[in-house]
Amino acid sequence: MSVRMGVLALLVGGPGYGYQLRGEFEQRTGGSWPLNIGQVYTTLDRLERDGLVARGDADDDGHVVYTATDAGREAVARWFSEPVPAKRGRDELPIKFALAVTVPGVDVPRLVQVQRSAALGTLQDLTRLKRSADPATDLAWSLVLESMVFQAEAEVRWLDHVESAVTRHMPPPASVTDVASVRTAEQAR
């Protein structure tokens, strides 16, 4: 997600200053995407440079307050009307498995089990959180939480597929003694 668009969307809802925007963002996302305050102020500077927000005067506590401009409101309306592009290709997990099935000596079935165990643990933690979330009082956090649950469930399903594909298409891994025997035989030639 674009931090830029998230901060701008908050400002469309009303004026705010850096720490306030950071707190609002983290509260609405349940802290699932923590923001560095420096990142928030850098984002505000860039939004101002691009004409999407206007810097106002400082409030009584000395906080510089920003508001969305008409161009900023239009940008947010466009953002909300467009689909989010799918993430493709840079996810570490499938890359790790793609390499694991091609590197000699990697026990891929064991790797599947280790990853599945971690994914199921995450799913259990998220399920506990979901039980305590009340969509009637915190719909924003509930939606983020449910998305994380679905992602964890999808990871478990994908790992089931990996396990099945490895069983069907990959020869069993050579043991260390098998590899040593092959090397000894090659050296004897």
N, C-alpha and C. Protein backbone atom coordinates (compact mmCIF):
# COMPACT_ATOMS: atom_id res chain seq x y z
N MET A 1 0.83 -1.17 0.00
CA MET A 1 0.00 0.00 0.00
C MET A 1 0.87 1.23 0.00
N SER A 2 0.37 2.23 -0.59
CA SER A 2 1.06 3.49 -0.64
C SER A 2 0.82 4.26 0.66
N VAL A 3 1.87 4.49 1.41
CA VAL A 3 1.76 5.32 2.61
C VAL A 3 1.27 6.70 2.20
N ARG A 4 1.75 7.13 1.06
CA ARG A 4 1.37 8.45 0.52
C ARG A 4 -0.15 8.56 0.42
N MET A 5 -0.77 7.57 -0.19
CA MET A 5 -2.22 7.63 -0.37
C MET A 5 -2.96 7.43 0.95
N GLY A 6 -2.40 6.63 1.84
CA GLY A 6 -3.02 6.45 3.15
C GLY A 6 -3.05 7.74 3.94
N VAL A 7 -1.93 8.45 3.97
CA VAL A 7 -1.86 9.73 4.69
C VAL A 7 -2.79 10.75 4.03
N LEU A 8 -2.77 10.78 2.71
CA LEU A 8 -3.63 11.72 1.99
C LEU A 8 -5.11 11.41 2.26
N ALA A 9 -5.48 10.14 2.28
CA ALA A 9 -6.87 9.76 2.56
C ALA A 9 -7.30 10.23 3.94
N LEU A 10 -6.40 10.11 4.92
CA LEU A 10 -6.73 10.59 6.26
C LEU A 10 -6.97 12.10 6.25
N LEU A 11 -6.18 12.82 5.47
CA LEU A 11 -6.34 14.27 5.41
C LEU A 11 -7.62 14.68 4.68
N VAL A 12 -8.11 13.86 3.78
CA VAL A 12 -9.39 14.13 3.14
C VAL A 12 -10.49 14.09 4.20
N GLY A 13 -10.31 13.24 5.22
CA GLY A 13 -11.27 13.16 6.32
C GLY A 13 -11.24 14.35 7.25
N GLY A 14 -10.18 15.13 7.18
CA GLY A 14 -10.06 16.32 8.04
C GLY A 14 -8.61 16.68 8.25
N PRO A 15 -8.34 17.91 8.65
CA PRO A 15 -6.96 18.36 8.84
C PRO A 15 -6.27 17.55 9.94
N GLY A 16 -4.93 17.50 9.84
CA GLY A 16 -4.17 16.79 10.86
C GLY A 16 -2.70 17.11 10.79
N TYR A 17 -1.98 16.71 11.83
CA TYR A 17 -0.53 16.88 11.88
C TYR A 17 0.12 15.51 11.96
N GLY A 18 1.42 15.47 11.80
CA GLY A 18 2.16 14.22 11.64
C GLY A 18 1.87 13.14 12.66
N TYR A 19 2.06 13.43 13.94
CA TYR A 19 1.85 12.40 14.97
C TYR A 19 0.39 11.95 15.02
N GLN A 20 -0.50 12.89 14.80
CA GLN A 20 -1.93 12.56 14.78
C GLN A 20 -2.24 11.61 13.61
N LEU A 21 -1.69 11.91 12.44
CA LEU A 21 -1.93 11.08 11.26
C LEU A 21 -1.34 9.68 11.46
N ARG A 22 -0.15 9.64 12.02
CA ARG A 22 0.48 8.34 12.30
C ARG A 22 -0.41 7.51 13.23
N GLY A 23 -0.89 8.13 14.29
CA GLY A 23 -1.75 7.43 15.24
C GLY A 23 -3.05 6.96 14.61
N GLU A 24 -3.66 7.82 13.79
CA GLU A 24 -4.89 7.44 13.10
C GLU A 24 -4.66 6.27 12.15
N PHE A 25 -3.58 6.34 11.40
CA PHE A 25 -3.27 5.27 10.45
C PHE A 25 -3.09 3.95 11.18
N GLU A 26 -2.29 3.95 12.24
CA GLU A 26 -2.03 2.72 12.99
C GLU A 26 -3.28 2.22 13.70
N GLN A 27 -4.11 3.12 14.22
CA GLN A 27 -5.34 2.71 14.88
C GLN A 27 -6.29 2.06 13.88
N ARG A 28 -6.41 2.64 12.71
CA ARG A 28 -7.34 2.12 11.71
C ARG A 28 -6.86 0.81 11.09
N THR A 29 -5.57 0.58 11.10
CA THR A 29 -5.05 -0.68 10.54
C THR A 29 -4.67 -1.67 11.64
N GLY A 30 -5.02 -1.36 12.86
CA GLY A 30 -4.73 -2.25 13.98
C GLY A 30 -3.25 -2.43 14.24
N GLY A 31 -2.46 -1.45 13.81
CA GLY A 31 -1.01 -1.54 14.02
C GLY A 31 -0.34 -2.55 13.10
N SER A 32 -1.07 -3.05 12.10
CA SER A 32 -0.50 -4.07 11.22
C SER A 32 0.53 -3.48 10.26
N TRP A 33 0.54 -2.16 10.11
CA TRP A 33 1.51 -1.49 9.26
C TRP A 33 2.03 -0.28 10.03
N PRO A 34 2.98 -0.49 10.95
CA PRO A 34 3.48 0.64 11.74
C PRO A 34 4.24 1.63 10.86
N LEU A 35 4.02 2.90 11.13
CA LEU A 35 4.70 3.95 10.38
C LEU A 35 5.76 4.61 11.24
N ASN A 36 6.87 4.92 10.63
CA ASN A 36 7.92 5.71 11.26
C ASN A 36 7.50 7.17 11.14
N ILE A 37 7.61 7.93 12.21
CA ILE A 37 7.15 9.32 12.17
C ILE A 37 7.92 10.13 11.13
N GLY A 38 9.19 9.81 10.93
CA GLY A 38 9.97 10.48 9.89
C GLY A 38 9.38 10.23 8.51
N GLN A 39 8.88 9.01 8.31
CA GLN A 39 8.24 8.65 7.04
C GLN A 39 6.97 9.48 6.84
N VAL A 40 6.24 9.71 7.90
CA VAL A 40 5.01 10.50 7.80
C VAL A 40 5.34 11.94 7.40
N TYR A 41 6.34 12.54 8.06
CA TYR A 41 6.68 13.93 7.74
C TYR A 41 7.30 14.06 6.35
N THR A 42 8.09 13.08 5.94
CA THR A 42 8.63 13.10 4.57
C THR A 42 7.49 13.00 3.57
N THR A 43 6.52 12.15 3.86
CA THR A 43 5.36 12.00 2.98
C THR A 43 4.58 13.31 2.90
N LEU A 44 4.37 13.96 4.05
CA LEU A 44 3.65 15.24 4.05
C LEU A 44 4.40 16.28 3.22
N ASP A 45 5.72 16.33 3.34
CA ASP A 45 6.51 17.28 2.54
C ASP A 45 6.33 17.02 1.05
N ARG A 46 6.35 15.75 0.66
CA ARG A 46 6.18 15.42 -0.76
C ARG A 46 4.77 15.72 -1.25
N LEU A 47 3.78 15.43 -0.41
CA LEU A 47 2.40 15.74 -0.79
C LEU A 47 2.22 17.25 -0.97
N GLU A 48 2.86 18.03 -0.10
CA GLU A 48 2.80 19.49 -0.23
C GLU A 48 3.51 19.94 -1.52
N ARG A 49 4.68 19.38 -1.76
CA ARG A 49 5.44 19.70 -2.99
C ARG A 49 4.59 19.43 -4.24
N ASP A 50 3.82 18.34 -4.20
CA ASP A 50 3.02 17.94 -5.36
C ASP A 50 1.66 18.62 -5.41
N GLY A 51 1.39 19.52 -4.47
CA GLY A 51 0.15 20.28 -4.49
C GLY A 51 -1.06 19.50 -4.00
N LEU A 52 -0.86 18.39 -3.30
CA LEU A 52 -1.97 17.57 -2.84
C LEU A 52 -2.41 17.92 -1.42
N VAL A 53 -1.54 18.56 -0.65
CA VAL A 53 -1.89 19.05 0.68
C VAL A 53 -1.35 20.47 0.83
N ALA A 54 -1.94 21.18 1.76
CA ALA A 54 -1.47 22.53 2.07
C ALA A 54 -1.07 22.56 3.54
N ARG A 55 0.06 23.17 3.78
CA ARG A 55 0.55 23.33 5.16
C ARG A 55 -0.16 24.54 5.75
N GLY A 56 -0.73 24.35 6.92
CA GLY A 56 -1.41 25.46 7.60
C GLY A 56 -0.54 26.01 8.71
N ASP A 57 -1.15 26.79 9.53
CA ASP A 57 -0.46 27.34 10.69
C ASP A 57 -0.36 26.28 11.77
N ALA A 58 0.49 26.54 12.73
CA ALA A 58 0.62 25.64 13.87
C ALA A 58 -0.59 25.81 14.78
N ASP A 59 -0.99 24.70 15.40
CA ASP A 59 -2.10 24.78 16.36
C ASP A 59 -1.57 25.30 17.69
N ASP A 60 -2.42 25.32 18.71
CA ASP A 60 -2.04 25.86 20.02
C ASP A 60 -0.88 25.11 20.66
N ASP A 61 -0.70 23.85 20.26
CA ASP A 61 0.40 23.05 20.82
C ASP A 61 1.65 23.08 19.95
N GLY A 62 1.63 23.87 18.89
CA GLY A 62 2.80 24.00 18.02
C GLY A 62 2.87 22.98 16.90
N HIS A 63 1.83 22.17 16.70
CA HIS A 63 1.80 21.18 15.61
C HIS A 63 1.41 21.86 14.30
N VAL A 64 2.17 21.64 13.26
CA VAL A 64 1.83 22.17 11.95
C VAL A 64 0.71 21.30 11.37
N VAL A 65 -0.40 21.91 11.03
CA VAL A 65 -1.58 21.20 10.57
C VAL A 65 -1.64 21.25 9.05
N TYR A 66 -1.94 20.10 8.45
CA TYR A 66 -2.05 19.98 6.99
C TYR A 66 -3.49 19.70 6.62
N THR A 67 -3.89 20.17 5.43
CA THR A 67 -5.21 19.87 4.89
C THR A 67 -5.05 19.40 3.45
N ALA A 68 -5.98 18.59 3.01
CA ALA A 68 -5.97 18.13 1.62
C ALA A 68 -6.46 19.25 0.72
N THR A 69 -5.83 19.40 -0.43
CA THR A 69 -6.27 20.37 -1.43
C THR A 69 -7.32 19.71 -2.31
N ASP A 70 -7.90 20.48 -3.21
CA ASP A 70 -8.84 19.90 -4.17
C ASP A 70 -8.15 18.80 -4.98
N ALA A 71 -6.91 19.06 -5.40
CA ALA A 71 -6.16 18.05 -6.17
C ALA A 71 -5.93 16.80 -5.32
N GLY A 72 -5.70 16.99 -4.03
CA GLY A 72 -5.52 15.85 -3.13
C GLY A 72 -6.79 15.03 -2.99
N ARG A 73 -7.92 15.72 -2.87
CA ARG A 73 -9.21 15.02 -2.77
C ARG A 73 -9.50 14.25 -4.06
N GLU A 74 -9.17 14.84 -5.20
CA GLU A 74 -9.36 14.15 -6.48
C GLU A 74 -8.46 12.92 -6.57
N ALA A 75 -7.22 13.05 -6.10
CA ALA A 75 -6.29 11.91 -6.13
C ALA A 75 -6.80 10.76 -5.26
N VAL A 76 -7.34 11.07 -4.10
CA VAL A 76 -7.88 10.04 -3.22
C VAL A 76 -9.13 9.40 -3.84
N ALA A 77 -9.99 10.22 -4.44
CA ALA A 77 -11.19 9.67 -5.09
C ALA A 77 -10.77 8.72 -6.21
N ARG A 78 -9.76 9.08 -6.97
CA ARG A 78 -9.25 8.20 -8.03
C ARG A 78 -8.69 6.91 -7.44
N TRP A 79 -7.93 7.03 -6.35
CA TRP A 79 -7.32 5.87 -5.69
C TRP A 79 -8.39 4.90 -5.21
N PHE A 80 -9.45 5.44 -4.62
CA PHE A 80 -10.53 4.58 -4.13
C PHE A 80 -11.35 3.97 -5.26
N SER A 81 -11.29 4.53 -6.45
CA SER A 81 -12.08 4.00 -7.56
C SER A 81 -11.32 2.98 -8.40
N GLU A 82 -10.03 2.81 -8.15
CA GLU A 82 -9.19 1.89 -8.95
C GLU A 82 -8.83 0.65 -8.15
N PRO A 83 -8.65 -0.48 -8.84
CA PRO A 83 -8.21 -1.69 -8.13
C PRO A 83 -6.74 -1.56 -7.72
N VAL A 84 -6.40 -2.26 -6.66
CA VAL A 84 -5.00 -2.33 -6.22
C VAL A 84 -4.31 -3.39 -7.08
N PRO A 85 -3.17 -3.06 -7.69
CA PRO A 85 -2.48 -4.07 -8.50
C PRO A 85 -2.07 -5.28 -7.64
N ALA A 86 -2.19 -6.45 -8.22
CA ALA A 86 -1.79 -7.67 -7.51
C ALA A 86 -0.28 -7.67 -7.31
N LYS A 87 0.14 -8.17 -6.14
CA LYS A 87 1.57 -8.33 -5.89
C LYS A 87 2.01 -9.60 -6.61
N ARG A 88 3.00 -9.49 -7.43
CA ARG A 88 3.47 -10.65 -8.16
C ARG A 88 5.00 -10.66 -8.17
N GLY A 89 5.55 -11.83 -7.92
CA GLY A 89 6.96 -12.06 -8.19
C GLY A 89 7.97 -11.72 -7.11
N ARG A 90 7.66 -10.91 -6.14
CA ARG A 90 8.67 -10.53 -5.16
C ARG A 90 8.38 -11.08 -3.77
N ASP A 91 7.55 -12.08 -3.69
CA ASP A 91 7.22 -12.71 -2.41
C ASP A 91 8.32 -13.72 -2.10
N GLU A 92 8.97 -13.59 -0.95
CA GLU A 92 10.10 -14.44 -0.60
C GLU A 92 9.74 -15.92 -0.54
N LEU A 93 8.54 -16.24 -0.07
CA LEU A 93 8.18 -17.64 0.13
C LEU A 93 8.22 -18.47 -1.15
N PRO A 94 7.53 -18.08 -2.23
CA PRO A 94 7.62 -18.92 -3.44
C PRO A 94 9.02 -18.93 -4.04
N ILE A 95 9.75 -17.83 -3.89
CA ILE A 95 11.13 -17.79 -4.41
C ILE A 95 11.99 -18.79 -3.63
N LYS A 96 11.80 -18.83 -2.32
CA LYS A 96 12.56 -19.77 -1.49
C LYS A 96 12.31 -21.21 -1.93
N PHE A 97 11.04 -21.55 -2.18
CA PHE A 97 10.72 -22.91 -2.61
C PHE A 97 11.20 -23.19 -4.03
N ALA A 98 11.11 -22.19 -4.91
CA ALA A 98 11.61 -22.37 -6.27
C ALA A 98 13.10 -22.71 -6.25
N LEU A 99 13.83 -22.06 -5.37
CA LEU A 99 15.26 -22.35 -5.25
C LEU A 99 15.49 -23.68 -4.53
N ALA A 100 14.68 -23.95 -3.51
CA ALA A 100 14.86 -25.18 -2.73
C ALA A 100 14.72 -26.43 -3.59
N VAL A 101 13.79 -26.41 -4.56
CA VAL A 101 13.61 -27.61 -5.38
C VAL A 101 14.71 -27.77 -6.43
N THR A 102 15.57 -26.77 -6.57
CA THR A 102 16.65 -26.86 -7.56
C THR A 102 18.04 -26.94 -6.94
N VAL A 103 18.14 -26.72 -5.64
CA VAL A 103 19.45 -26.79 -4.97
C VAL A 103 19.61 -28.19 -4.39
N PRO A 104 20.66 -28.89 -4.76
CA PRO A 104 20.88 -30.25 -4.25
C PRO A 104 20.99 -30.28 -2.73
N GLY A 105 20.41 -31.30 -2.16
CA GLY A 105 20.55 -31.54 -0.73
C GLY A 105 19.53 -30.85 0.16
N VAL A 106 18.62 -30.05 -0.41
CA VAL A 106 17.62 -29.38 0.41
C VAL A 106 16.46 -30.36 0.65
N ASP A 107 16.11 -30.53 1.89
CA ASP A 107 14.99 -31.40 2.26
C ASP A 107 13.70 -30.59 2.14
N VAL A 108 13.16 -30.55 0.93
CA VAL A 108 11.98 -29.72 0.65
C VAL A 108 10.77 -30.16 1.48
N PRO A 109 10.48 -31.46 1.61
CA PRO A 109 9.34 -31.83 2.47
C PRO A 109 9.49 -31.29 3.90
N ARG A 110 10.69 -31.31 4.42
CA ARG A 110 10.93 -30.76 5.77
C ARG A 110 10.68 -29.25 5.77
N LEU A 111 11.14 -28.57 4.72
CA LEU A 111 10.93 -27.13 4.61
C LEU A 111 9.43 -26.81 4.57
N VAL A 112 8.66 -27.62 3.85
CA VAL A 112 7.20 -27.45 3.80
C VAL A 112 6.63 -27.57 5.21
N GLN A 113 7.06 -28.59 5.95
CA GLN A 113 6.52 -28.80 7.30
C GLN A 113 6.86 -27.64 8.23
N VAL A 114 8.09 -27.14 8.15
CA VAL A 114 8.51 -26.02 9.00
C VAL A 114 7.67 -24.79 8.68
N GLN A 115 7.50 -24.51 7.38
CA GLN A 115 6.72 -23.33 6.98
C GLN A 115 5.25 -23.50 7.33
N ARG A 116 4.71 -24.70 7.14
CA ARG A 116 3.30 -24.94 7.48
C ARG A 116 3.09 -24.74 8.98
N SER A 117 3.99 -25.23 9.79
CA SER A 117 3.87 -25.06 11.23
C SER A 117 3.84 -23.58 11.61
N ALA A 118 4.71 -22.80 10.98
CA ALA A 118 4.73 -21.35 11.25
C ALA A 118 3.43 -20.69 10.78
N ALA A 119 2.96 -21.08 9.59
CA ALA A 119 1.73 -20.49 9.05
C ALA A 119 0.53 -20.85 9.92
N LEU A 120 0.46 -22.09 10.39
CA LEU A 120 -0.65 -22.48 11.26
C LEU A 120 -0.60 -21.75 12.60
N GLY A 121 0.62 -21.52 13.11
CA GLY A 121 0.76 -20.74 14.34
C GLY A 121 0.26 -19.31 14.15
N THR A 122 0.62 -18.72 13.02
CA THR A 122 0.14 -17.37 12.70
C THR A 122 -1.38 -17.36 12.58
N LEU A 123 -1.93 -18.37 11.91
CA LEU A 123 -3.37 -18.47 11.73
C LEU A 123 -4.08 -18.59 13.08
N GLN A 124 -3.52 -19.37 14.00
CA GLN A 124 -4.12 -19.49 15.33
C GLN A 124 -4.09 -18.16 16.07
N ASP A 125 -2.95 -17.45 15.98
CA ASP A 125 -2.85 -16.14 16.64
C ASP A 125 -3.87 -15.16 16.07
N LEU A 126 -3.99 -15.15 14.75
CA LEU A 126 -4.94 -14.25 14.11
C LEU A 126 -6.38 -14.61 14.46
N THR A 127 -6.66 -15.90 14.54
CA THR A 127 -8.01 -16.35 14.90
C THR A 127 -8.37 -15.90 16.32
N ARG A 128 -7.40 -15.97 17.23
CA ARG A 128 -7.64 -15.48 18.60
C ARG A 128 -7.95 -13.98 18.58
N LEU A 129 -7.16 -13.23 17.81
CA LEU A 129 -7.41 -11.79 17.70
C LEU A 129 -8.79 -11.52 17.11
N LYS A 130 -9.15 -12.31 16.11
CA LYS A 130 -10.44 -12.11 15.44
C LYS A 130 -11.60 -12.31 16.41
N ARG A 131 -11.46 -13.28 17.32
CA ARG A 131 -12.51 -13.52 18.31
C ARG A 131 -12.72 -12.32 19.21
N SER A 132 -11.66 -11.55 19.46
CA SER A 132 -11.78 -10.40 20.36
C SER A 132 -12.13 -9.12 19.61
N ALA A 133 -12.08 -9.13 18.28
CA ALA A 133 -12.41 -7.94 17.51
C ALA A 133 -13.92 -7.83 17.34
N ASP A 134 -14.40 -6.62 17.40
CA ASP A 134 -15.83 -6.38 17.22
C ASP A 134 -16.03 -5.47 16.01
N PRO A 135 -16.49 -6.05 14.89
CA PRO A 135 -16.67 -5.23 13.69
C PRO A 135 -17.65 -4.08 13.89
N ALA A 136 -18.56 -4.22 14.83
CA ALA A 136 -19.54 -3.16 15.07
C ALA A 136 -18.86 -1.91 15.64
N THR A 137 -17.78 -2.10 16.39
CA THR A 137 -17.10 -0.94 16.99
C THR A 137 -15.80 -0.60 16.29
N ASP A 138 -15.21 -1.55 15.56
CA ASP A 138 -13.93 -1.27 14.88
C ASP A 138 -13.87 -2.03 13.56
N LEU A 139 -14.70 -1.60 12.64
CA LEU A 139 -14.80 -2.26 11.34
C LEU A 139 -13.46 -2.21 10.59
N ALA A 140 -12.75 -1.08 10.65
CA ALA A 140 -11.49 -0.95 9.91
C ALA A 140 -10.51 -2.04 10.33
N TRP A 141 -10.27 -2.20 11.64
CA TRP A 141 -9.35 -3.20 12.13
C TRP A 141 -9.85 -4.61 11.81
N SER A 142 -11.14 -4.84 11.91
CA SER A 142 -11.69 -6.16 11.60
C SER A 142 -11.43 -6.55 10.15
N LEU A 143 -11.56 -5.59 9.23
CA LEU A 143 -11.29 -5.89 7.82
C LEU A 143 -9.83 -6.22 7.58
N VAL A 144 -8.93 -5.47 8.21
CA VAL A 144 -7.49 -5.75 8.08
C VAL A 144 -7.19 -7.13 8.66
N LEU A 145 -7.73 -7.42 9.81
CA LEU A 145 -7.50 -8.69 10.48
C LEU A 145 -8.01 -9.86 9.64
N GLU A 146 -9.21 -9.73 9.09
CA GLU A 146 -9.75 -10.80 8.25
C GLU A 146 -8.91 -11.01 6.99
N SER A 147 -8.37 -9.94 6.44
CA SER A 147 -7.48 -10.08 5.28
C SER A 147 -6.24 -10.89 5.66
N MET A 148 -5.70 -10.64 6.85
CA MET A 148 -4.53 -11.39 7.29
C MET A 148 -4.87 -12.86 7.53
N VAL A 149 -6.07 -13.13 8.05
CA VAL A 149 -6.51 -14.51 8.24
C VAL A 149 -6.60 -15.22 6.89
N PHE A 150 -7.23 -14.56 5.91
CA PHE A 150 -7.36 -15.17 4.58
C PHE A 150 -5.99 -15.41 3.94
N GLN A 151 -5.05 -14.50 4.13
CA GLN A 151 -3.70 -14.68 3.59
C GLN A 151 -3.01 -15.87 4.24
N ALA A 152 -3.16 -16.02 5.54
CA ALA A 152 -2.56 -17.16 6.23
C ALA A 152 -3.19 -18.47 5.77
N GLU A 153 -4.51 -18.46 5.60
CA GLU A 153 -5.20 -19.66 5.09
C GLU A 153 -4.72 -20.00 3.68
N ALA A 154 -4.55 -18.99 2.86
CA ALA A 154 -4.06 -19.21 1.49
C ALA A 154 -2.64 -19.78 1.50
N GLU A 155 -1.81 -19.31 2.42
CA GLU A 155 -0.45 -19.84 2.51
C GLU A 155 -0.47 -21.32 2.86
N VAL A 156 -1.33 -21.70 3.80
CA VAL A 156 -1.43 -23.12 4.18
C VAL A 156 -1.90 -23.95 2.98
N ARG A 157 -2.89 -23.47 2.26
CA ARG A 157 -3.37 -24.18 1.06
C ARG A 157 -2.26 -24.31 0.03
N TRP A 158 -1.50 -23.23 -0.18
CA TRP A 158 -0.41 -23.27 -1.16
C TRP A 158 0.66 -24.27 -0.72
N LEU A 159 0.95 -24.32 0.56
CA LEU A 159 1.94 -25.28 1.06
C LEU A 159 1.45 -26.71 0.85
N ASP A 160 0.16 -26.96 1.00
CA ASP A 160 -0.40 -28.29 0.69
C ASP A 160 -0.13 -28.62 -0.78
N HIS A 161 -0.33 -27.65 -1.66
CA HIS A 161 -0.07 -27.84 -3.08
C HIS A 161 1.42 -28.12 -3.33
N VAL A 162 2.30 -27.36 -2.69
CA VAL A 162 3.75 -27.58 -2.85
C VAL A 162 4.11 -28.99 -2.42
N GLU A 163 3.59 -29.42 -1.29
CA GLU A 163 3.89 -30.76 -0.79
C GLU A 163 3.45 -31.82 -1.80
N SER A 164 2.27 -31.65 -2.36
CA SER A 164 1.74 -32.59 -3.35
C SER A 164 2.60 -32.59 -4.61
N ALA A 165 2.97 -31.41 -5.09
CA ALA A 165 3.79 -31.31 -6.30
C ALA A 165 5.17 -31.92 -6.08
N VAL A 166 5.75 -31.68 -4.93
CA VAL A 166 7.07 -32.24 -4.62
C VAL A 166 6.99 -33.76 -4.57
N THR A 167 5.93 -34.28 -3.97
CA THR A 167 5.76 -35.73 -3.89
C THR A 167 5.64 -36.34 -5.28
N ARG A 168 4.90 -35.69 -6.16
CA ARG A 168 4.69 -36.20 -7.52
C ARG A 168 5.90 -36.04 -8.44
N HIS A 169 6.63 -34.94 -8.32
CA HIS A 169 7.59 -34.59 -9.36
C HIS A 169 9.05 -34.54 -8.94
N MET A 170 9.34 -34.63 -7.67
CA MET A 170 10.72 -34.46 -7.24
C MET A 170 11.25 -35.77 -6.67
N PRO A 171 12.45 -36.17 -7.10
CA PRO A 171 13.02 -37.38 -6.51
C PRO A 171 13.35 -37.13 -5.04
N PRO A 172 13.36 -38.20 -4.24
CA PRO A 172 13.68 -38.00 -2.82
C PRO A 172 15.10 -37.42 -2.69
N PRO A 173 15.32 -36.61 -1.67
CA PRO A 173 16.65 -36.00 -1.51
C PRO A 173 17.70 -37.07 -1.20
N ALA A 174 18.88 -36.85 -1.76
CA ALA A 174 20.00 -37.76 -1.48
C ALA A 174 20.48 -37.49 -0.06
N SER A 175 20.76 -38.55 0.65
CA SER A 175 21.27 -38.36 2.00
C SER A 175 22.74 -37.95 1.91
N VAL A 176 23.26 -37.48 3.01
CA VAL A 176 24.67 -37.06 3.05
C VAL A 176 25.57 -38.24 2.70
N THR A 177 25.22 -39.44 3.16
CA THR A 177 26.06 -40.61 2.85
C THR A 177 25.99 -40.96 1.37
N ASP A 178 24.80 -40.77 0.72
CA ASP A 178 24.69 -41.01 -0.72
C ASP A 178 25.57 -40.04 -1.49
N VAL A 179 25.55 -38.77 -1.09
CA VAL A 179 26.38 -37.76 -1.77
C VAL A 179 27.85 -38.10 -1.59
N ALA A 180 28.24 -38.52 -0.38
CA ALA A 180 29.64 -38.88 -0.13
C ALA A 180 30.05 -40.09 -0.95
N SER A 181 29.17 -41.08 -1.11
CA SER A 181 29.46 -42.27 -1.90
C SER A 181 29.68 -41.90 -3.36
N VAL A 182 28.84 -41.00 -3.88
CA VAL A 182 28.98 -40.58 -5.27
C VAL A 182 30.31 -39.86 -5.45
N ARG A 183 30.68 -39.01 -4.54
CA ARG A 183 31.95 -38.27 -4.65
C ARG A 183 33.13 -39.23 -4.58
N THR A 184 33.06 -40.22 -3.68
CA THR A 184 34.14 -41.19 -3.57
C THR A 184 34.27 -41.99 -4.86
N ALA A 185 33.14 -42.39 -5.43
CA ALA A 185 33.16 -43.15 -6.69
C ALA A 185 33.74 -42.29 -7.81
N GLU A 186 33.38 -41.01 -7.84
CA GLU A 186 33.89 -40.13 -8.89
C GLU A 186 35.40 -39.92 -8.74
N GLN A 187 35.87 -39.82 -7.50
CA GLN A 187 37.29 -39.62 -7.25
C GLN A 187 38.09 -40.87 -7.60
N ALA A 188 37.48 -42.04 -7.47
CA ALA A 188 38.17 -43.30 -7.77
C ALA A 188 38.36 -43.47 -9.27
N ARG A 189 37.59 -42.82 -10.07
CA ARG A 189 37.71 -42.97 -11.54
C ARG A 189 38.90 -42.32 -12.05
